Amino acid sequence: MTVLYFAWVRERTGVATEQVDTAAPTVAALVDELIAREPRYAAAFADLSAVRVAVDQVLADFDAPLAGVREVAFFPPMTGG
């Protein structure tokens, strides 16, 4: 699947996009896999309350299932204006 990172999440991971092979059943499990890879992911996901996620371009929760998903995006909270 394609994993996208935006704003400071991208800055901490050091990549804007990557292809990830995963058997993770949920977004939370994917995050755990990423954190186990390298410290830069642990820095990006240190405070999940400050990270939002979209699954196939739809806002989702970290317990969202990943079966059949093609894209997951991580980004900071959005503000209006």
Protein backbone atom coordinates (compact mmCIF):
# COMPACT_ATOMS: atom_id res chain seq x y z
CA MET A 1 0.00 0.00 0.00
CA THR A 2 1.03 3.60 -0.41
CA VAL A 3 1.70 5.50 2.80
CA LEU A 4 1.75 9.29 2.66
CA TYR A 5 3.12 11.70 5.25
CA PHE A 6 2.30 15.41 5.39
CA ALA A 7 3.66 18.49 7.18
CA TRP A 8 5.68 17.79 10.34
CA VAL A 9 4.89 14.07 10.11
CA ARG A 10 6.77 14.08 6.77
CA GLU A 11 9.61 16.07 8.31
CA ARG A 12 10.04 13.55 11.13
CA THR A 13 9.85 10.44 8.92
CA GLY A 14 12.07 11.99 6.27
CA VAL A 15 9.85 10.77 3.43
CA ALA A 16 6.72 12.09 1.74
CA THR A 17 5.51 8.75 0.41
CA GLU A 18 6.54 5.11 0.45
CA GLN A 19 5.27 1.70 -0.53
CA VAL A 20 4.76 -0.54 2.50
CA ASP A 21 4.16 -4.28 2.46
CA THR A 22 2.13 -5.05 5.55
CA ALA A 23 -0.21 -7.64 6.97
CA ALA A 24 -1.39 -5.16 9.63
CA PRO A 25 -5.13 -5.51 10.20
CA THR A 26 -5.63 -1.90 11.35
CA VAL A 27 -4.04 1.52 11.05
CA ALA A 28 -2.84 1.21 14.66
CA ALA A 29 -1.06 -2.05 13.83
CA LEU A 30 0.54 -0.38 10.80
CA VAL A 31 1.79 2.43 13.04
CA ASP A 32 3.27 -0.17 15.41
CA GLU A 33 5.08 -1.80 12.46
CA LEU A 34 6.43 1.54 11.31
CA ILE A 35 7.61 2.48 14.82
CA ALA A 36 9.45 -0.85 15.07
CA ARG A 37 11.36 -0.06 11.84
CA GLU A 38 13.36 3.00 12.84
CA PRO A 39 13.50 5.73 15.50
CA ARG A 40 12.34 8.39 13.02
CA TYR A 41 8.91 6.72 12.87
CA ALA A 42 8.78 6.58 16.66
CA ALA A 43 9.40 10.34 16.68
CA ALA A 44 6.65 10.94 14.12
CA PHE A 45 4.09 8.84 16.01
CA ALA A 46 5.14 9.67 19.58
CA ASP A 47 1.85 11.46 20.27
CA LEU A 48 -0.98 9.90 18.27
CA SER A 49 -3.43 12.48 19.61
CA ALA A 50 -1.59 14.97 17.38
CA VAL A 51 -1.82 12.81 14.24
CA ARG A 52 -4.81 12.33 11.95
CA VAL A 53 -5.22 9.54 9.41
CA ALA A 54 -7.06 9.09 6.14
CA VAL A 55 -7.69 5.70 4.56
CA ASP A 56 -8.21 5.82 0.80
CA GLN A 57 -8.72 9.60 1.15
CA VAL A 58 -11.42 9.34 3.83
CA LEU A 59 -10.77 10.50 7.40
CA ALA A 60 -10.55 7.49 9.70
CA ASP A 61 -9.63 6.37 13.19
CA PHE A 62 -6.57 4.36 14.13
CA ASP A 63 -8.76 1.28 14.59
CA ALA A 64 -9.85 1.43 10.92
CA PRO A 65 -9.33 -1.87 9.08
CA LEU A 66 -6.74 -2.04 6.31
CA ALA A 67 -8.15 -4.96 4.29
CA GLY A 68 -8.28 -3.87 0.66
CA VAL A 69 -6.89 -0.40 1.41
CA ARG A 70 -4.60 1.15 -1.20
CA GLU A 71 -3.55 4.35 0.57
CA VAL A 72 -3.03 5.56 4.13
CA ALA A 73 -2.12 9.19 4.86
CA PHE A 74 -0.85 10.65 8.12
CA PHE A 75 -1.01 14.39 8.87
CA PRO A 76 -1.40 16.87 11.72
CA PRO A 77 -4.85 18.15 12.70
CA MET A 78 -6.35 20.56 10.20
CA THR A 79 -7.66 23.98 11.12
CA GLY A 80 -10.32 26.00 9.41
CA GLY A 81 -9.94 29.44 8.07
